[in-house]
Amino acid sequence: MNSLRASNVPLVGSRIAALRALVSEIPPAIAAQAIGYTAQCAERHAQVSGTTWTNYVPNRRRPNQLTTS
């Protein structure tokens, strides 16, 4: 953290960007549990970044299911 600060990297902005990238890849509740945030906080970041997980469960792949893409 100190070397990032010394390099003038904005820590808060970087942390927020990383969180928003994470909640775009996995459901916010799972991301929150993994990194110690509340589910509500992660959900707010997902909404701000335009990510919706309303179709997550129906679109999940089954184990050993091949994809066409």
Protein backbone atom coordinates (compact mmCIF):
# COMPACT_ATOMS: atom_id res chain seq x y z
CA MET A 1 0.00 0.00 0.00
CA ASN A 2 2.82 2.40 0.83
CA SER A 3 4.58 1.82 -2.48
CA LEU A 4 1.31 2.40 -4.35
CA ARG A 5 0.82 5.62 -2.45
CA ALA A 6 4.41 6.64 -3.22
CA SER A 7 3.68 6.02 -6.90
CA ASN A 8 0.63 8.30 -6.70
CA VAL A 9 -1.84 5.49 -7.41
CA PRO A 10 -5.29 6.50 -6.13
CA LEU A 11 -6.01 3.74 -3.60
CA VAL A 12 -9.73 4.31 -3.07
CA GLY A 13 -10.44 4.62 -6.78
CA SER A 14 -8.41 1.52 -7.52
CA ARG A 15 -10.22 -0.47 -4.83
CA ILE A 16 -13.62 0.61 -6.16
CA ALA A 17 -12.62 -0.24 -9.74
CA ALA A 18 -11.42 -3.68 -8.65
CA LEU A 19 -14.65 -4.34 -6.74
CA ARG A 20 -16.79 -3.33 -9.70
CA ALA A 21 -14.77 -5.55 -12.01
CA LEU A 22 -15.18 -8.45 -9.59
CA VAL A 23 -18.96 -8.08 -9.29
CA SER A 24 -19.21 -8.04 -13.07
CA GLU A 25 -17.56 -11.49 -13.14
CA ILE A 26 -19.28 -13.22 -10.21
CA PRO A 27 -22.50 -12.60 -8.26
CA PRO A 28 -22.19 -9.72 -5.81
CA ALA A 29 -23.14 -11.80 -2.76
CA ILE A 30 -20.35 -14.28 -3.47
CA ALA A 31 -17.84 -11.49 -4.13
CA ALA A 32 -18.85 -9.77 -0.89
CA GLN A 33 -18.37 -12.91 1.16
CA ALA A 34 -14.98 -13.58 -0.44
CA ILE A 35 -13.55 -10.13 0.27
CA GLY A 36 -15.33 -9.19 3.48
CA TYR A 37 -17.87 -6.66 2.20
CA THR A 38 -21.58 -6.73 2.90
CA ALA A 39 -23.81 -8.17 0.20
CA GLN A 40 -25.69 -4.86 0.03
CA CYS A 41 -22.49 -2.93 -0.62
CA ALA A 42 -21.42 -5.31 -3.38
CA GLU A 43 -24.92 -5.19 -4.90
CA ARG A 44 -24.81 -1.38 -4.99
CA HIS A 45 -21.49 -1.48 -6.84
CA ALA A 46 -22.91 -4.01 -9.29
CA GLN A 47 -25.90 -1.74 -9.95
CA VAL A 48 -23.70 1.34 -10.43
CA SER A 49 -21.52 -0.55 -12.89
CA GLY A 50 -24.60 -1.73 -14.82
CA THR A 51 -24.18 -5.40 -13.99
CA THR A 52 -27.32 -7.44 -13.41
CA TRP A 53 -27.36 -10.97 -12.15
CA THR A 54 -31.08 -11.61 -12.61
CA ASN A 55 -30.37 -14.31 -15.18
CA TYR A 56 -27.35 -15.83 -13.43
CA VAL A 57 -28.90 -19.08 -12.20
CA PRO A 58 -30.76 -20.02 -15.41
CA ASN A 59 -27.67 -19.31 -17.53
CA ARG A 60 -25.12 -21.22 -15.43
CA ARG A 61 -23.38 -24.11 -17.08
CA ARG A 62 -23.75 -27.56 -15.64
CA PRO A 63 -20.55 -29.40 -14.72
CA ASN A 64 -18.96 -31.00 -17.81
CA GLN A 65 -21.28 -29.08 -20.13
CA LEU A 66 -19.57 -27.97 -23.32
CA THR A 67 -19.98 -24.45 -24.56
CA THR A 68 -20.32 -23.39 -28.18
CA SER A 69 -18.50 -20.11 -27.80
